[in-house]
Structures are given as structure tokens and as C-alpha cells.
Amino acid sequence: MATDFEKMAEQMASGQGFIAALDQSGGSTPKALRLYGVTEDMYDGEEAMFDEIHAMRSRIITAPDFTSDKVIGAILFERTMRGTIDGTPVAQVLWQDRGIVPFLKIDKGLMDKENGVQLMKPIPGLSETLADAKGFGIFGTKERSVIHSADETGIKAIVAQQFELGREVLEAGLVPILEPEVDINAPDKAEAEAILKREILTHLDTLEAGQEIMLKLTIPTEDNLYDALADHPRVIRVVALSGGYSTDEACERLARQGKMIASFSRALAEGLTKQLSDSEFNAALGSNIDKIYRASA
């Protein structure tokens, strides 16, 4: 009989749908809350801020359309993983109640820009966090860094760092989603993506049998540029980030990619506010889920 991990791996490899990114953290939380209709004067202090964002995420997770029929995975912020919904750990709610594979964002933000990129900051306590994630029933992790220009030195460094961290995640028994994002406003975005693809392929060929990863990449300027990555035997799935595009534009661009599915955050939550009634909220979220699902399919 297949284990939960094996069932999750199968869903990630072949499931129809997309991965919801519910992992805004730290500095991005106030912005996410403002978009949700919750301004800084409506809460007092960091704990209250995180309570508000947890309530928003819980509202999304428990909405009628937020199920594995269209959402096959969800990426959580660490505090969300350690939290509960009606007394049940969030990862358990996702997998056992909703059929959705849980992931954990593990990066701690970005370094200052150097050689046209922002590397990840050091991640203190990583081994303990990965062990805890395994205990909570998390399937994999996500780790983000950013490319701002087609600087070969910088892109080589960013891919090397991603794969180094990915190996630590694999050794902990989890599946990493490597996310070397290319800024959608980069003046030489297409060139940066060509370098990125080449570097990722080089590193993929160094992975051993049984070491399988996922990739989360900006929707490329050249349609289907990343097909070779999706076809690589060490890659379970290539997913797309929305990168600041509106929901409609992100979905239109994604629909042209034959081998990418969505992993959207802001686009998923577009138009959702605390002030909406439950029926209005569920209808707006359902509409966003439908758009992203169609683009992923």
C-alpha cells in the first residue's frame, strides 16, 4: 500500500491543477494584508499581524473550491505550518481533509543585489526546521532567490546556491522546489532565462538516481523555453510564479506553456478582502481558482 509520501509524489508528478502559494512572510505580510483590506492601523504589533494573515489563509484553505479537484499543492509559511485550523495542524487539514500536498517555504529572505542577482540569506536552524516539517507531514520545501539581469556570474552563483540547499532538503527526506525567480522587469529577461536554463540543466545532470526536485520559475519570454527542464528525469514538475503580473495576464502567459503549471500567490488572492461576506469571498476565490486551473491545464 502506498505511503502518504508516495501518494503526494504521484500527485505532484501527474495531478491536474496548480500549487497555491500561501507563504507571504515578514516584510511581505503587511502588503498582503493591505491587499486583503487590512491596514496597519487595524492591528497592533507583529503577533496581531500574523494572526490576521493566518485568519486570511485559513479562510482560503477552508473555502469550498480549495480542494484537490483544482489545487494539488499549497506552500506554507513556517508559522502557518506550526499553526492550526480549528485545532488541527494546517498541513494535516490540507492533506487529509482537502487532498492537497503541503510544502514549506524555508528561505529567510534575500541578500543585497550583487552581480545582478539576490542570493538567499543564510538559514539558521535549517536541519531542525526540516525535521519539524517532516514531523508535520510536509512533503517538500520552497526556496526563493531573484535574478535581476543576465549576469552570467550572478546566475551561476544563484543556481549553485539553489542546488546546494536542495541537496540538504533531499537528505532530510523532503522534495525541494528550487525558485530562482527572474524579475519580470529585467531589461534582458529573455537572455537571463536562457542562461538560467543552461545552468539548471548542468546541475540537474549532477543529481543521482532517486534525487528528484521541482522547479518554480518565472513564466518565460520565449514560450516553452523550459520544456527540456520539465522532461529531465530528475524533475518532478516545473511550476510558474506570477511574478507581479495580474491574474489575467499571468494566466494568459501560462496557458501558452505546454509543460508548466501555476504556483501563484498574489494572483490567487486578487480581489479577496476581509470585508467580503463568506459567499462573496468564496465566489471571488472560486473564480480565481478556475482561471488559474484552466491556464495550468
Protein backbone atom coordinates (compact mmCIF):
# COMPACT_ATOMS: atom_id res chain seq x y z
CA MET A 1 0.00 0.00 0.00
CA ALA A 2 1.41 3.38 -1.00
CA THR A 3 2.57 5.70 1.77
CA ASP A 4 1.30 9.27 2.07
CA PHE A 5 4.66 10.48 0.71
CA GLU A 6 4.36 8.23 -2.34
CA LYS A 7 0.79 9.40 -2.94
CA MET A 8 1.93 13.02 -2.66
CA ALA A 9 4.79 12.39 -5.10
CA GLU A 10 2.38 10.89 -7.62
CA GLN A 11 0.03 13.85 -7.26
CA MET A 12 2.88 16.28 -7.83
CA ALA A 13 4.10 14.40 -10.89
CA SER A 14 0.82 13.93 -12.69
CA GLY A 15 -2.01 15.70 -10.85
CA GLN A 16 -4.17 18.13 -12.82
CA GLY A 17 -4.26 21.56 -11.21
CA PHE A 18 -1.88 24.06 -9.63
CA ILE A 19 0.05 24.84 -6.46
CA ALA A 20 -1.27 27.65 -4.27
CA ALA A 21 1.43 29.84 -2.70
CA LEU A 22 0.25 30.88 0.78
CA ASP A 23 3.70 31.76 2.05
CA GLN A 24 4.00 35.55 2.34
CA SER A 25 6.24 36.26 5.31
CA GLY A 26 7.93 39.01 7.25
CA GLY A 27 8.22 42.12 5.13
CA SER A 28 5.66 40.99 2.55
CA THR A 29 2.93 40.31 5.12
CA PRO A 30 1.76 43.95 5.59
CA LYS A 31 1.47 44.32 1.81
CA ALA A 32 -0.53 41.10 1.53
CA LEU A 33 -2.81 42.27 4.34
CA ARG A 34 -3.34 45.69 2.73
CA LEU A 35 -4.46 43.94 -0.45
CA TYR A 36 -6.81 41.92 1.77
CA GLY A 37 -8.30 45.14 3.13
CA VAL A 38 -6.46 45.05 6.47
CA THR A 39 -4.31 48.16 7.01
CA GLU A 40 -1.59 48.65 9.63
CA ASP A 41 -3.93 50.70 11.85
CA MET A 42 -6.26 47.70 12.13
CA TYR A 43 -3.83 45.56 14.16
CA ASP A 44 -1.30 46.24 16.91
CA GLY A 45 2.11 44.61 16.66
CA GLU A 46 3.67 41.64 14.90
CA GLU A 47 1.67 38.92 16.68
CA ALA A 48 -1.61 40.57 15.75
CA MET A 49 -0.36 40.96 12.17
CA PHE A 50 0.42 37.25 11.93
CA ASP A 51 -2.96 36.42 13.48
CA GLU A 52 -4.64 38.41 10.69
CA ILE A 53 -2.67 36.70 7.90
CA HIS A 54 -3.33 33.29 9.48
CA ALA A 55 -7.04 34.05 9.53
CA MET A 56 -6.86 35.00 5.85
CA ARG A 57 -5.04 31.80 4.93
CA SER A 58 -7.45 29.70 6.99
CA ARG A 59 -10.36 31.32 5.17
CA ILE A 60 -8.79 30.39 1.83
CA ILE A 61 -7.90 26.81 2.85
CA THR A 62 -11.39 26.07 4.16
CA ALA A 63 -13.24 27.63 1.20
CA PRO A 64 -15.42 25.19 -0.78
CA ASP A 65 -13.37 25.40 -4.01
CA PHE A 66 -10.00 25.00 -2.31
CA THR A 67 -9.68 21.24 -2.84
CA SER A 68 -7.53 18.83 -4.83
CA ASP A 69 -10.03 18.96 -7.69
CA LYS A 70 -8.07 22.01 -8.88
CA VAL A 71 -5.42 22.78 -6.22
CA ILE A 72 -2.89 19.95 -5.97
CA GLY A 73 -0.42 21.58 -3.59
CA ALA A 74 0.00 24.54 -1.22
CA ILE A 75 3.13 26.30 0.04
CA LEU A 76 3.04 27.43 3.67
CA PHE A 77 4.93 29.98 5.74
CA GLU A 78 6.63 28.38 8.77
CA ARG A 79 4.27 30.00 11.29
CA THR A 80 1.33 28.64 9.28
CA MET A 81 2.82 25.13 9.39
CA ARG A 82 3.10 25.41 13.16
CA GLY A 83 -0.43 26.77 13.48
CA THR A 84 -3.81 25.07 13.44
CA ILE A 85 -7.24 25.45 11.85
CA ASP A 86 -9.97 24.59 14.36
CA GLY A 87 -7.37 22.76 16.43
CA THR A 88 -5.95 20.64 13.60
CA PRO A 89 -2.41 21.26 12.24
CA VAL A 90 -2.61 23.10 8.92
CA ALA A 91 -0.64 20.51 6.92
CA GLN A 92 -2.99 17.81 8.18
CA VAL A 93 -6.03 19.87 7.15
CA LEU A 94 -4.55 20.30 3.68
CA TRP A 95 -3.67 16.66 3.02
CA GLN A 96 -6.25 14.66 4.98
CA ASP A 97 -9.25 16.96 4.60
CA ARG A 98 -8.54 18.65 1.28
CA GLY A 99 -6.27 16.21 -0.56
CA ILE A 100 -3.72 18.99 -1.12
CA VAL A 101 0.04 18.35 -0.82
CA PRO A 102 1.70 20.66 1.76
CA PHE A 103 5.03 22.42 1.18
CA LEU A 104 7.05 24.75 3.43
CA LYS A 105 8.83 27.96 2.45
CA ILE A 106 12.26 27.76 4.10
CA ASP A 107 14.26 30.74 2.80
CA LYS A 108 14.74 33.71 5.13
CA GLY A 109 14.77 36.46 2.54
CA LEU A 110 17.32 37.90 0.15
CA MET A 111 20.85 39.31 0.31
CA ASP A 112 21.65 42.67 -1.24
CA LYS A 113 21.97 42.68 -5.03
CA GLU A 114 25.38 41.61 -6.36
CA ASN A 115 26.29 40.60 -9.93
CA GLY A 116 22.71 41.26 -10.98
CA VAL A 117 21.16 38.78 -8.52
CA GLN A 118 19.98 38.45 -4.94
CA LEU A 119 21.13 35.26 -3.26
CA MET A 120 19.30 33.78 -0.30
CA LYS A 121 20.31 34.83 3.19
CA PRO A 122 21.73 32.12 5.48
CA ILE A 123 19.03 29.88 7.01
CA PRO A 124 19.74 29.35 10.72
CA GLY A 125 18.37 26.17 12.29
CA LEU A 126 17.66 24.61 8.91
CA SER A 127 18.16 20.97 9.92
CA GLU A 128 15.77 21.39 12.87
CA THR A 129 13.18 23.10 10.67
CA LEU A 130 13.38 20.32 8.08
CA ALA A 131 12.99 17.68 10.79
CA ASP A 132 9.96 19.51 12.19
CA ALA A 133 8.47 19.80 8.69
CA LYS A 134 8.85 16.06 8.19
CA GLY A 135 7.06 15.53 11.50
CA PHE A 136 4.17 17.76 10.46
CA GLY A 137 3.68 15.73 7.29
CA ILE A 138 5.16 18.31 4.90
CA PHE A 139 6.13 16.84 1.50
CA GLY A 140 8.64 19.43 0.32
CA THR A 141 10.11 22.90 0.60
CA LYS A 142 10.37 26.08 -1.45
CA GLU A 143 13.33 28.43 -1.53
CA ARG A 144 13.43 31.72 -3.49
CA SER A 145 16.19 33.89 -4.87
CA VAL A 146 15.96 36.58 -7.58
CA ILE A 147 17.72 37.34 -10.88
CA HIS A 148 17.57 40.97 -11.99
CA SER A 149 19.75 40.86 -15.09
CA ALA A 150 21.55 38.47 -17.46
CA ASP A 151 24.80 38.46 -15.49
CA GLU A 152 26.38 35.05 -16.07
CA THR A 153 28.46 35.17 -12.88
CA GLY A 154 25.44 36.02 -10.78
CA ILE A 155 23.18 33.41 -12.37
CA LYS A 156 25.82 30.69 -11.93
CA ALA A 157 26.05 31.63 -8.23
CA ILE A 158 22.27 31.63 -7.75
CA VAL A 159 21.79 28.20 -9.35
CA ALA A 160 24.71 26.73 -7.39
CA GLN A 161 23.21 28.02 -4.14
CA GLN A 162 19.77 26.66 -5.02
CA PHE A 163 21.09 23.17 -5.73
CA GLU A 164 23.30 23.17 -2.62
CA LEU A 165 20.26 23.91 -0.48
CA GLY A 166 18.18 21.45 -2.49
CA ARG A 167 20.59 18.66 -1.60
CA GLU A 168 20.19 19.41 2.11
CA VAL A 169 16.42 19.18 1.70
CA LEU A 170 16.70 15.87 -0.17
CA GLU A 171 18.92 14.46 2.57
CA ALA A 172 16.20 15.36 5.09
CA GLY A 173 13.72 13.24 3.14
CA LEU A 174 11.80 16.13 1.56
CA VAL A 175 11.43 17.35 -2.02
CA PRO A 176 12.78 20.86 -2.76
CA ILE A 177 11.13 23.36 -5.07
CA LEU A 178 14.05 25.46 -6.31
CA GLU A 179 12.90 29.00 -7.14
CA PRO A 180 15.46 31.17 -8.94
CA GLU A 181 12.96 33.86 -9.98
CA VAL A 182 13.74 36.11 -12.95
CA ASP A 183 12.37 39.61 -12.34
CA ILE A 184 9.64 40.26 -14.93
CA ASN A 185 11.01 43.81 -15.30
CA ALA A 186 14.58 42.70 -16.08
CA PRO A 187 15.68 44.58 -19.25
CA ASP A 188 17.33 41.43 -20.63
CA LYS A 189 14.83 38.90 -19.24
CA ALA A 190 14.96 36.51 -22.21
CA GLU A 191 18.76 36.39 -22.13
CA ALA A 192 18.76 35.81 -18.37
CA GLU A 193 16.31 32.93 -18.84
CA ALA A 194 18.49 31.30 -21.49
CA ILE A 195 21.49 31.38 -19.13
CA LEU A 196 19.34 30.11 -16.25
CA LYS A 197 18.04 27.17 -18.26
CA ARG A 198 21.57 26.15 -19.27
CA GLU A 199 22.87 26.34 -15.69
CA ILE A 200 19.94 24.38 -14.28
CA LEU A 201 20.42 21.62 -16.86
CA THR A 202 24.11 21.42 -15.94
CA HIS A 203 23.29 20.97 -12.25
CA LEU A 204 20.43 18.54 -12.88
CA ASP A 205 22.89 16.20 -14.53
CA THR A 206 24.87 16.03 -11.26
CA LEU A 207 21.93 14.65 -9.26
CA GLU A 208 21.91 10.94 -8.56
CA ALA A 209 19.15 8.45 -9.28
CA GLY A 210 16.37 8.92 -6.77
CA GLN A 211 17.20 12.59 -6.20
CA GLU A 212 14.20 14.38 -7.67
CA ILE A 213 13.37 18.06 -7.40
CA MET A 214 10.80 20.57 -8.56
CA LEU A 215 11.40 23.98 -10.13
CA LYS A 216 9.44 27.21 -9.70
CA LEU A 217 10.30 29.66 -12.46
CA THR A 218 9.09 32.93 -13.91
CA ILE A 219 6.89 32.41 -16.98
CA PRO A 220 9.49 32.69 -19.78
CA THR A 221 9.57 35.30 -22.52
CA GLU A 222 10.15 32.53 -25.08
CA ASP A 223 7.19 30.18 -24.88
CA ASN A 224 8.02 26.60 -23.81
CA LEU A 225 11.64 27.51 -23.09
CA TYR A 226 11.65 25.24 -20.06
CA ASP A 227 10.26 22.09 -21.70
CA ALA A 228 13.69 20.46 -21.52
CA LEU A 229 13.71 21.01 -17.75
CA ALA A 230 10.23 19.51 -17.38
CA ASP A 231 11.36 16.47 -19.39
CA HIS A 232 14.52 15.89 -17.33
CA PRO A 233 14.39 12.60 -15.36
CA ARG A 234 15.38 14.38 -12.12
CA VAL A 235 12.50 16.90 -12.33
CA ILE A 236 9.07 16.03 -10.94
CA ARG A 237 7.35 19.21 -12.17
CA VAL A 238 8.07 22.74 -13.34
CA VAL A 239 5.70 25.34 -11.88
CA ALA A 240 5.30 29.01 -12.69
CA LEU A 241 5.25 32.04 -10.41
CA SER A 242 3.04 35.01 -11.30
CA GLY A 243 5.85 37.48 -10.65
CA GLY A 244 3.70 40.60 -10.38
CA TYR A 245 1.56 40.01 -13.46
CA SER A 246 -2.19 40.43 -12.96
CA THR A 247 -4.17 37.22 -12.69
CA ASP A 248 -5.46 37.56 -16.24
CA GLU A 249 -2.03 38.28 -17.77
CA ALA A 250 -0.30 35.57 -15.73
CA CYS A 251 -2.92 33.04 -16.81
CA GLU A 252 -2.74 34.14 -20.46
CA ARG A 253 1.05 33.76 -20.49
CA LEU A 254 0.96 30.46 -18.61
CA ALA A 255 -1.63 28.97 -20.96
CA ARG A 256 0.97 29.17 -23.76
CA GLN A 257 3.41 26.96 -21.79
CA GLY A 258 2.79 23.30 -22.52
CA LYS A 259 4.71 21.86 -19.55
CA MET A 260 4.28 24.36 -16.70
CA ILE A 261 1.52 24.63 -14.11
CA ALA A 262 0.86 27.61 -11.86
CA SER A 263 2.13 28.32 -8.38
CA PHE A 264 0.56 31.72 -7.82
CA SER A 265 0.20 33.76 -4.61
CA ARG A 266 -0.88 37.34 -5.31
CA ALA A 267 -2.85 36.27 -8.39
CA LEU A 268 -4.69 33.66 -6.32
CA ALA A 269 -5.73 36.25 -3.73
CA GLU A 270 -6.60 39.00 -6.21
CA GLY A 271 -9.85 40.74 -5.22
CA LEU A 272 -10.18 38.93 -1.89
CA THR A 273 -10.82 41.18 1.12
CA LYS A 274 -11.71 40.63 4.75
CA GLN A 275 -14.81 42.78 4.26
CA LEU A 276 -16.42 40.37 1.78
CA SER A 277 -19.18 38.12 3.05
CA ASP A 278 -18.34 34.42 3.03
CA SER A 279 -20.42 33.87 -0.09
CA GLU A 280 -18.75 36.81 -1.88
CA PHE A 281 -15.31 35.69 -0.75
CA ASN A 282 -15.88 32.09 -1.85
CA ALA A 283 -17.21 33.21 -5.24
CA ALA A 284 -14.21 35.50 -5.87
CA LEU A 285 -11.73 32.84 -4.77
CA GLY A 286 -13.52 30.21 -6.86
CA SER A 287 -13.29 32.46 -9.92
CA ASN A 288 -9.53 32.93 -9.39
CA ILE A 289 -9.04 29.18 -8.87
CA ASP A 290 -10.94 28.43 -12.09
CA LYS A 291 -8.82 30.88 -14.11
CA ILE A 292 -5.54 29.52 -12.77
CA TYR A 293 -6.67 25.91 -13.17
CA ARG A 294 -7.64 26.45 -16.82
CA ALA A 295 -4.30 28.12 -17.54
CA SER A 296 -2.44 25.24 -15.85
CA ALA A 297 -4.42 22.62 -17.75
